[in-house]
N, C-alpha and C. Protein backbone atom coordinates (compact mmCIF):
# COMPACT_ATOMS: atom_id res chain seq x y z
N MET A 1 0.94 -1.27 0.21
CA MET A 1 -0.30 -0.11 -0.06
C MET A 1 0.33 1.42 -0.12
N ASN A 2 0.59 1.99 -0.83
CA ASN A 2 1.46 3.68 -0.79
C ASN A 2 0.60 4.49 -0.28
N GLY A 3 0.91 5.72 -0.12
CA GLY A 3 -0.11 6.54 0.30
C GLY A 3 -0.72 6.30 1.26
N THR A 4 -1.81 7.64 2.06
CA THR A 4 -2.45 7.58 2.51
C THR A 4 -3.62 6.93 2.28
N ASN A 5 -4.13 5.89 2.45
CA ASN A 5 -5.41 5.56 1.66
C ASN A 5 -6.93 6.83 2.41
N PRO A 6 -7.39 7.66 1.10
CA PRO A 6 -7.99 8.90 1.51
C PRO A 6 -9.47 8.38 1.59
N ALA A 7 -9.95 7.03 1.48
CA ALA A 7 -11.17 7.06 2.46
C ALA A 7 -11.33 6.31 4.07
N TRP A 8 -10.17 6.81 4.88
CA TRP A 8 -9.86 6.71 6.36
C TRP A 8 -9.97 8.99 6.50
N ASP A 9 -10.15 8.55 7.63
CA ASP A 9 -9.96 10.21 8.47
C ASP A 9 -9.94 9.87 9.67
N ARG A 10 -8.01 10.12 9.76
CA ARG A 10 -7.49 9.76 11.06
C ARG A 10 -8.48 10.26 12.18
N ALA A 11 -8.73 11.63 12.37
CA ALA A 11 -9.84 11.82 13.43
C ALA A 11 -10.81 11.03 13.41
N ARG A 12 -11.71 10.12 12.64
CA ARG A 12 -12.44 9.69 13.55
C ARG A 12 -11.97 8.40 13.92
N PHE A 13 -11.03 7.81 13.60
CA PHE A 13 -10.86 6.52 14.56
C PHE A 13 -9.80 6.40 15.17
N PRO A 14 -9.90 4.96 15.95
CA PRO A 14 -9.19 4.72 17.20
C PRO A 14 -7.91 4.61 16.51
N VAL A 15 -6.48 4.62 17.93
CA VAL A 15 -5.32 4.85 17.62
C VAL A 15 -5.31 2.79 17.24
N VAL A 16 -4.16 2.67 16.92
CA VAL A 16 -3.85 1.48 16.72
C VAL A 16 -2.29 0.92 17.62
N LEU A 17 -2.59 -0.09 18.70
CA LEU A 17 -1.23 -0.08 19.27
C LEU A 17 -1.08 -1.21 18.44
N VAL A 18 0.75 -0.85 18.73
CA VAL A 18 0.84 -2.36 17.70
C VAL A 18 2.24 -2.60 19.18
N VAL A 19 2.08 -3.69 19.45
CA VAL A 19 3.25 -4.60 20.46
C VAL A 19 3.83 -5.29 20.13
N GLU A 20 4.65 -5.42 19.40
CA GLU A 20 5.86 -6.30 19.15
C GLU A 20 7.32 -5.95 19.63
N ASP A 21 8.07 -6.84 20.04
CA ASP A 21 9.17 -7.28 20.64
C ASP A 21 10.89 -7.21 19.54
N GLU A 22 9.76 -7.52 18.58
CA GLU A 22 11.22 -7.31 17.70
C GLU A 22 11.19 -6.38 16.63
N ALA A 23 11.71 -5.85 16.35
CA ALA A 23 12.05 -3.65 15.50
C ALA A 23 11.80 -3.99 14.49
N VAL A 24 12.12 -4.89 13.83
CA VAL A 24 11.49 -4.88 12.19
C VAL A 24 10.05 -5.22 11.98
N ILE A 25 9.67 -6.67 12.48
CA ILE A 25 8.53 -6.70 12.07
C ILE A 25 7.61 -5.59 13.04
N ARG A 26 7.86 -4.73 14.00
CA ARG A 26 6.85 -3.89 14.61
C ARG A 26 6.86 -2.81 13.34
N ALA A 27 8.21 -2.21 12.79
CA ALA A 27 7.83 -1.03 11.98
C ALA A 27 7.35 -1.46 11.02
N ILE A 28 6.51 -2.74 10.01
CA ILE A 28 6.91 -3.34 9.25
C ILE A 28 5.36 -3.02 8.99
N LEU A 29 4.74 -3.29 10.38
CA LEU A 29 2.86 -3.79 10.59
C LEU A 29 2.97 -2.31 10.71
N ALA A 30 3.49 -1.30 11.75
CA ALA A 30 3.01 -0.01 12.09
C ALA A 30 3.00 1.07 10.24
N GLU A 31 3.97 0.56 9.88
CA GLU A 31 3.65 1.59 7.96
C GLU A 31 2.86 0.78 7.87
N GLU A 32 2.21 -0.10 7.50
CA GLU A 32 1.69 -1.16 6.80
C GLU A 32 -0.06 -0.02 7.11
N LEU A 33 0.03 -0.30 8.49
CA LEU A 33 -1.64 0.36 9.12
C LEU A 33 -1.89 2.03 8.81
N GLU A 34 -0.06 2.34 9.27
CA GLU A 34 -0.32 3.79 8.37
C GLU A 34 -0.52 3.96 7.36
N ASP A 35 -0.29 3.64 6.13
CA ASP A 35 -0.57 3.75 4.82
C ASP A 35 -2.09 3.25 4.33
N ALA A 36 -2.28 2.29 5.85
CA ALA A 36 -3.90 1.99 5.67
C ALA A 36 -4.65 3.00 5.94
N GLY A 37 -4.23 4.65 6.44
CA GLY A 37 -4.99 6.19 6.76
C GLY A 37 -4.69 5.80 9.05
N PHE A 38 -3.87 4.55 9.05
CA PHE A 38 -4.69 4.27 11.12
C PHE A 38 -3.18 5.23 11.83
N THR A 39 -3.54 5.80 12.72
CA THR A 39 -2.34 7.17 13.92
C THR A 39 -2.19 4.98 15.02
N VAL A 40 -1.07 5.58 14.88
CA VAL A 40 0.17 3.90 15.29
C VAL A 40 0.62 4.23 16.45
N VAL A 41 0.56 3.71 17.85
CA VAL A 41 1.66 3.60 18.32
C VAL A 41 2.35 2.52 18.11
N GLU A 42 3.23 2.46 18.12
CA GLU A 42 3.67 0.89 19.06
C GLU A 42 4.69 1.18 20.61
N ALA A 43 4.70 -0.20 20.64
CA ALA A 43 5.50 -0.86 22.62
C ALA A 43 5.70 -1.80 21.72
N ASP A 44 7.12 -2.33 22.75
CA ASP A 44 8.31 -2.90 22.65
C ASP A 44 7.82 -4.33 23.49
N GLY A 45 7.18 -3.91 24.14
CA GLY A 45 6.55 -5.39 24.95
C GLY A 45 5.12 -5.47 25.83
N ALA A 46 4.58 -6.23 26.29
CA ALA A 46 3.56 -6.51 27.19
C ALA A 46 3.64 -5.21 28.67
N ASP A 47 4.52 -4.66 28.60
CA ASP A 47 4.93 -4.15 29.97
C ASP A 47 4.63 -2.41 29.08
N ALA A 48 5.42 -2.28 27.97
CA ALA A 48 5.44 -0.71 27.71
C ALA A 48 3.30 -0.35 27.36
N ALA A 49 3.38 -2.05 26.67
CA ALA A 49 1.79 -1.33 26.05
C ALA A 49 1.05 -1.16 27.55
N THR A 50 0.77 -1.79 28.73
CA THR A 50 0.27 -1.07 29.42
C THR A 50 -0.09 -0.10 29.91
N ALA A 51 1.29 0.52 29.87
CA ALA A 51 1.98 2.37 30.17
C ALA A 51 1.01 2.71 29.26
N VAL A 52 1.23 2.60 27.27
CA VAL A 52 0.14 3.09 27.14
C VAL A 52 -1.02 3.18 27.00
N LEU A 53 -1.75 1.63 26.94
CA LEU A 53 -3.12 1.57 27.51
C LEU A 53 -3.78 2.38 28.69
N ALA A 54 -2.47 2.84 30.12
CA ALA A 54 -2.77 3.53 30.93
C ALA A 54 -3.13 4.59 30.91
N GLY A 55 -2.37 5.17 30.40
CA GLY A 55 -2.45 6.46 30.15
C GLY A 55 -2.99 7.31 28.89
N ARG A 56 -3.61 6.16 27.86
CA ARG A 56 -4.10 7.14 26.10
C ARG A 56 -5.63 6.71 26.67
N SER A 57 -6.15 7.32 26.76
CA SER A 57 -8.13 6.73 26.17
C SER A 57 -8.12 6.84 24.98
N ASP A 58 -7.30 6.97 24.04
CA ASP A 58 -7.74 6.60 22.10
C ASP A 58 -7.14 5.51 21.87
N ILE A 59 -6.58 4.51 22.32
CA ILE A 59 -6.35 4.02 21.47
C ILE A 59 -7.08 3.06 21.05
N GLY A 60 -7.78 1.98 20.26
CA GLY A 60 -8.95 1.20 20.68
C GLY A 60 -8.92 -0.33 19.66
N ILE A 61 -7.68 -0.38 19.13
CA ILE A 61 -7.83 -1.77 18.70
C ILE A 61 -6.02 -1.88 19.28
N VAL A 62 -5.53 -2.87 19.47
CA VAL A 62 -4.25 -4.01 20.03
C VAL A 62 -3.82 -4.76 19.28
N VAL A 63 -2.69 -5.13 18.83
CA VAL A 63 -2.25 -5.90 17.42
C VAL A 63 -1.13 -5.58 18.22
N THR A 64 -1.00 -7.39 18.99
CA THR A 64 0.11 -7.66 20.31
C THR A 64 1.18 -9.62 19.60
N ASP A 65 2.17 -9.15 19.57
CA ASP A 65 2.89 -10.65 19.50
C ASP A 65 2.10 -11.72 20.90
N LEU A 66 2.83 -12.89 20.22
CA LEU A 66 1.88 -13.84 21.62
C LEU A 66 3.62 -14.43 23.25
N ARG A 67 3.92 -13.99 22.17
CA ARG A 67 5.47 -14.16 22.59
C ARG A 67 6.16 -13.61 22.45
N MET A 68 6.62 -12.78 24.23
CA MET A 68 8.05 -11.47 24.19
C MET A 68 8.10 -11.36 25.53
N PRO A 69 8.82 -10.77 26.05
CA PRO A 69 9.86 -11.70 27.09
C PRO A 69 8.85 -9.66 27.59
N GLY A 70 9.93 -10.27 28.89
CA GLY A 70 9.21 -8.77 29.85
C GLY A 70 8.34 -10.07 31.04
N SER A 71 6.82 -9.40 31.64
CA SER A 71 7.03 -9.70 33.03
C SER A 71 6.16 -10.53 32.28
N MET A 72 5.31 -10.62 30.66
CA MET A 72 3.88 -10.69 30.94
C MET A 72 3.79 -11.36 29.27
N ASP A 73 3.51 -11.84 28.44
CA ASP A 73 3.48 -11.92 27.39
C ASP A 73 2.02 -11.44 26.71
N GLY A 74 1.67 -11.37 25.33
CA GLY A 74 0.92 -11.44 24.92
C GLY A 74 -0.74 -12.08 25.32
N LEU A 75 -0.59 -13.37 25.57
CA LEU A 75 -1.99 -12.99 26.67
C LEU A 75 -2.03 -12.96 28.00
N GLY A 76 -1.11 -12.31 28.71
CA GLY A 76 -1.07 -11.74 30.30
C GLY A 76 -1.55 -10.39 29.75
N LEU A 77 -1.09 -9.96 28.83
CA LEU A 77 -1.64 -8.38 28.03
C LEU A 77 -3.30 -8.55 28.19
N ALA A 78 -3.76 -9.43 27.11
CA ALA A 78 -5.29 -9.96 26.62
C ALA A 78 -5.68 -10.09 28.43
N ARG A 79 -5.17 -10.11 29.74
CA ARG A 79 -5.52 -10.67 30.49
C ARG A 79 -6.28 -9.70 31.43
N TRP A 80 -4.52 -8.48 31.45
CA TRP A 80 -4.72 -7.39 32.25
C TRP A 80 -5.56 -6.31 30.92
N MET A 81 -5.67 -6.34 29.82
CA MET A 81 -6.81 -5.85 29.00
C MET A 81 -8.46 -6.13 29.81
N ARG A 82 -8.54 -6.62 30.14
CA ARG A 82 -10.01 -7.70 30.15
C ARG A 82 -10.22 -6.59 31.55
N LYS A 83 -9.55 -6.74 32.05
CA LYS A 83 -9.41 -5.48 33.44
C LYS A 83 -9.66 -4.24 33.51
N HIS A 84 -8.12 -4.18 32.58
CA HIS A 84 -8.90 -2.20 32.68
C HIS A 84 -8.79 -1.66 31.39
N ALA A 85 -9.17 -2.40 30.43
CA ALA A 85 -9.35 -2.04 28.56
C ALA A 85 -10.28 -3.46 28.00
N PRO A 86 -11.65 -3.45 28.65
CA PRO A 86 -12.53 -5.18 28.45
C PRO A 86 -12.81 -4.58 27.24
N THR A 87 -13.33 -3.33 26.42
CA THR A 87 -13.72 -2.89 25.10
C THR A 87 -12.89 -3.15 23.27
N VAL A 88 -11.81 -2.99 24.25
CA VAL A 88 -10.65 -2.40 23.11
C VAL A 88 -10.58 -4.09 22.30
N PRO A 89 -11.08 -4.10 21.29
CA PRO A 89 -10.52 -5.63 20.16
C PRO A 89 -9.45 -6.31 20.29
N ILE A 90 -8.76 -7.18 20.74
CA ILE A 90 -6.86 -7.71 20.11
C ILE A 90 -7.52 -8.12 18.84
N ILE A 91 -5.90 -8.70 17.69
CA ILE A 91 -5.53 -8.96 17.29
C ILE A 91 -4.19 -10.06 17.81
N ILE A 92 -4.38 -10.89 17.81
CA ILE A 92 -2.62 -12.29 18.66
C ILE A 92 -2.02 -12.60 17.05
N THR A 93 -0.55 -12.24 17.44
CA THR A 93 -0.29 -12.76 16.06
C THR A 93 0.83 -13.95 17.06
N SER A 94 1.53 -15.17 16.26
CA SER A 94 2.15 -16.26 16.70
C SER A 94 3.09 -16.45 16.21
N GLY A 95 4.47 -16.92 16.21
CA GLY A 95 4.70 -18.02 15.03
C GLY A 95 4.84 -19.13 16.01
N PHE A 96 3.96 -19.81 17.01
CA PHE A 96 4.41 -21.04 17.38
C PHE A 96 3.13 -21.43 16.81
N ALA A 97 3.03 -23.09 15.86
CA ALA A 97 2.58 -24.08 15.68
C ALA A 97 1.14 -24.73 15.58
N THR A 98 1.75 -24.45 17.33
CA THR A 98 0.03 -24.58 18.24
C THR A 98 -0.48 -23.32 18.56
N GLN A 99 -1.91 -23.06 18.15
CA GLN A 99 -2.30 -22.18 18.29
C GLN A 99 -2.72 -21.67 19.97
N PRO A 100 -2.92 -21.02 20.85
CA PRO A 100 -3.76 -20.75 22.54
C PRO A 100 -4.66 -21.08 22.20
N ASP A 101 -5.57 -21.65 23.33
CA ASP A 101 -6.61 -21.05 23.50
C ASP A 101 -7.12 -20.12 24.35
N VAL A 102 -7.91 -18.99 22.98
CA VAL A 102 -7.69 -17.39 24.37
C VAL A 102 -8.66 -16.90 24.99
N ALA A 103 -10.13 -17.93 24.54
CA ALA A 103 -11.50 -17.48 24.81
C ALA A 103 -11.35 -17.34 25.78
N ALA A 104 -10.96 -17.92 26.95
CA ALA A 104 -10.67 -17.31 28.45
C ALA A 104 -10.00 -16.68 28.72
N ASN A 105 -9.08 -15.87 28.08
CA ASN A 105 -8.66 -14.52 28.66
C ASN A 105 -8.29 -13.64 28.32
N ASN A 106 -9.45 -13.34 27.11
CA ASN A 106 -10.05 -12.05 27.00
C ASN A 106 -11.47 -12.44 25.48
N PRO A 107 -12.74 -12.21 26.02
CA PRO A 107 -13.40 -12.42 25.14
C PRO A 107 -12.96 -11.00 23.36
N ALA A 108 -12.33 -10.01 24.01
CA ALA A 108 -12.31 -8.76 23.11
C ALA A 108 -11.06 -9.83 22.01
N ILE A 109 -10.77 -10.45 22.62
CA ILE A 109 -10.10 -11.77 21.47
C ILE A 109 -10.54 -11.82 19.86
N VAL A 110 -10.05 -11.46 19.40
CA VAL A 110 -10.64 -11.34 17.92
C VAL A 110 -9.95 -12.62 17.39
N ARG A 111 -8.72 -12.76 17.12
CA ARG A 111 -8.27 -13.11 15.69
C ARG A 111 -7.00 -13.70 16.75
N VAL A 112 -6.46 -14.52 16.19
CA VAL A 112 -5.20 -15.12 15.77
C VAL A 112 -4.89 -15.78 14.99
N VAL A 113 -3.26 -15.20 14.79
CA VAL A 113 -2.53 -14.56 12.82
C VAL A 113 -1.64 -15.46 13.40
N ALA A 114 -1.12 -16.64 12.37
CA ALA A 114 0.38 -17.65 12.83
C ALA A 114 0.81 -16.56 11.84
N LYS A 115 1.59 -16.53 11.98
CA LYS A 115 3.39 -15.82 11.23
C LYS A 115 3.93 -16.72 10.89
N PRO A 116 4.55 -16.73 9.48
CA PRO A 116 4.33 -16.06 8.86
C PRO A 116 3.21 -14.82 8.61
N TYR A 117 2.95 -13.81 8.93
CA TYR A 117 1.40 -13.08 8.31
C TYR A 117 1.89 -11.98 6.94
N SER A 118 0.76 -11.52 6.64
CA SER A 118 1.11 -10.34 5.24
C SER A 118 0.16 -9.31 6.41
N CYS A 119 1.13 -8.61 6.35
CA CYS A 119 0.41 -7.19 7.32
C CYS A 119 -0.58 -6.54 6.39
N ARG A 120 -0.58 -6.58 5.05
CA ARG A 120 -2.02 -6.47 4.53
C ARG A 120 -2.81 -6.85 4.80
N ASP A 121 -2.61 -8.26 5.08
CA ASP A 121 -4.26 -8.56 5.89
C ASP A 121 -3.90 -8.21 7.42
N VAL A 122 -3.61 -8.25 7.95
CA VAL A 122 -3.31 -7.09 9.47
C VAL A 122 -4.03 -6.14 9.32
N ALA A 123 -3.59 -4.78 8.25
CA ALA A 123 -4.32 -3.98 8.15
C ALA A 123 -5.82 -4.12 7.86
N GLY A 124 -5.61 -4.96 7.14
CA GLY A 124 -7.62 -5.20 6.45
C GLY A 124 -8.27 -5.52 7.74
N TRP A 125 -7.67 -6.31 8.01
CA TRP A 125 -8.91 -6.55 9.43
C TRP A 125 -9.43 -6.12 10.48
N VAL A 126 -7.95 -5.25 10.78
CA VAL A 126 -8.44 -4.16 11.52
C VAL A 126 -8.95 -2.75 10.56
N ALA A 127 -8.91 -3.07 10.25
CA ALA A 127 -9.81 -1.63 8.42
C ALA A 127 -11.25 -2.51 8.73
N ALA A 128 -11.54 -3.99 8.85
CA ALA A 128 -13.09 -4.10 8.57
C ALA A 128 -13.47 -3.83 10.19
N LEU A 129 -12.90 -4.26 11.79
CA LEU A 129 -12.82 -3.87 12.55
C LEU A 129 -13.47 -2.66 12.54
N VAL A 130 -13.13 -1.47 12.25
CA VAL A 130 -13.30 -0.08 12.66
C VAL A 130 -14.08 -0.16 11.41
N GLY A 131 -14.65 -0.21 10.44
CA GLY A 131 -15.24 0.36 9.29
C GLY A 131 -16.68 -0.66 9.85
N GLY A 132 -16.99 -1.48 9.71
CA GLY A 132 -18.20 -2.03 11.05
C GLY A 132 -18.37 -3.62 10.79
N THR A 133 -17.61 -3.84 9.44
CA THR A 133 -17.89 -5.28 8.56
C THR A 133 -17.54 -6.36 9.59
N GLY A 134 -16.68 -5.94 10.42
CA GLY A 134 -15.73 -6.88 11.54
C GLY A 134 -15.82 -6.92 12.97
N THR A 135 -17.01 -7.38 13.51
CA THR A 135 -17.65 -7.01 14.68
C THR A 135 -16.80 -8.65 15.17
N ALA A 136 -16.55 -8.08 16.16
CA ALA A 136 -16.08 -8.74 17.83
C ALA A 136 -16.07 -10.70 16.62
N GLU A 137 -17.03 -10.49 17.10
CA GLU A 137 -17.65 -12.52 16.78
C GLU A 137 -17.21 -12.58 15.82
N GLY A 138 -17.85 -11.49 14.20
CA GLY A 138 -17.41 -12.14 13.33
C GLY A 138 -15.84 -11.90 12.95
N ALA A 139 -14.96 -11.31 13.10
CA ALA A 139 -13.64 -11.57 12.98
C ALA A 139 -12.92 -12.83 13.63
N ARG A 140 -13.63 -13.19 14.36
CA ARG A 140 -12.75 -14.33 14.93
C ARG A 140 -13.48 -15.20 14.57
N ARG A 141 -12.12 -16.19 14.75
CA ARG A 141 -11.69 -17.25 13.30
C ARG A 141 -10.50 -18.23 13.96
């Protein structure tokens, strides 16, 4: 995707928080989301993400890696969000062959994506959530 998508008005849509400990992956995903018209905030782990979520009210979607160093991983972040940001949809990415059963962690988890993934696909899922065509229930697969 090249350039900002004129169909999106950044002021009308929530900010996307990208949580990924691999700097290159985080930067590529953030760039794809920005090219799709989203405002993006980056965090290098779940600990940094909780600080962002606690300090900002405009985070509307979280895309997080499953396994990260620190005091909690992506599922730990989802558990934290269940208490502190229960309505924010979460997309989890994972490089592990066995995907976790995420339903008990937070019902706001709308999708678990296997790595390697297409950043364009992730941007599309985020756009569907924001655009109303991808409800939390409909996006869960």
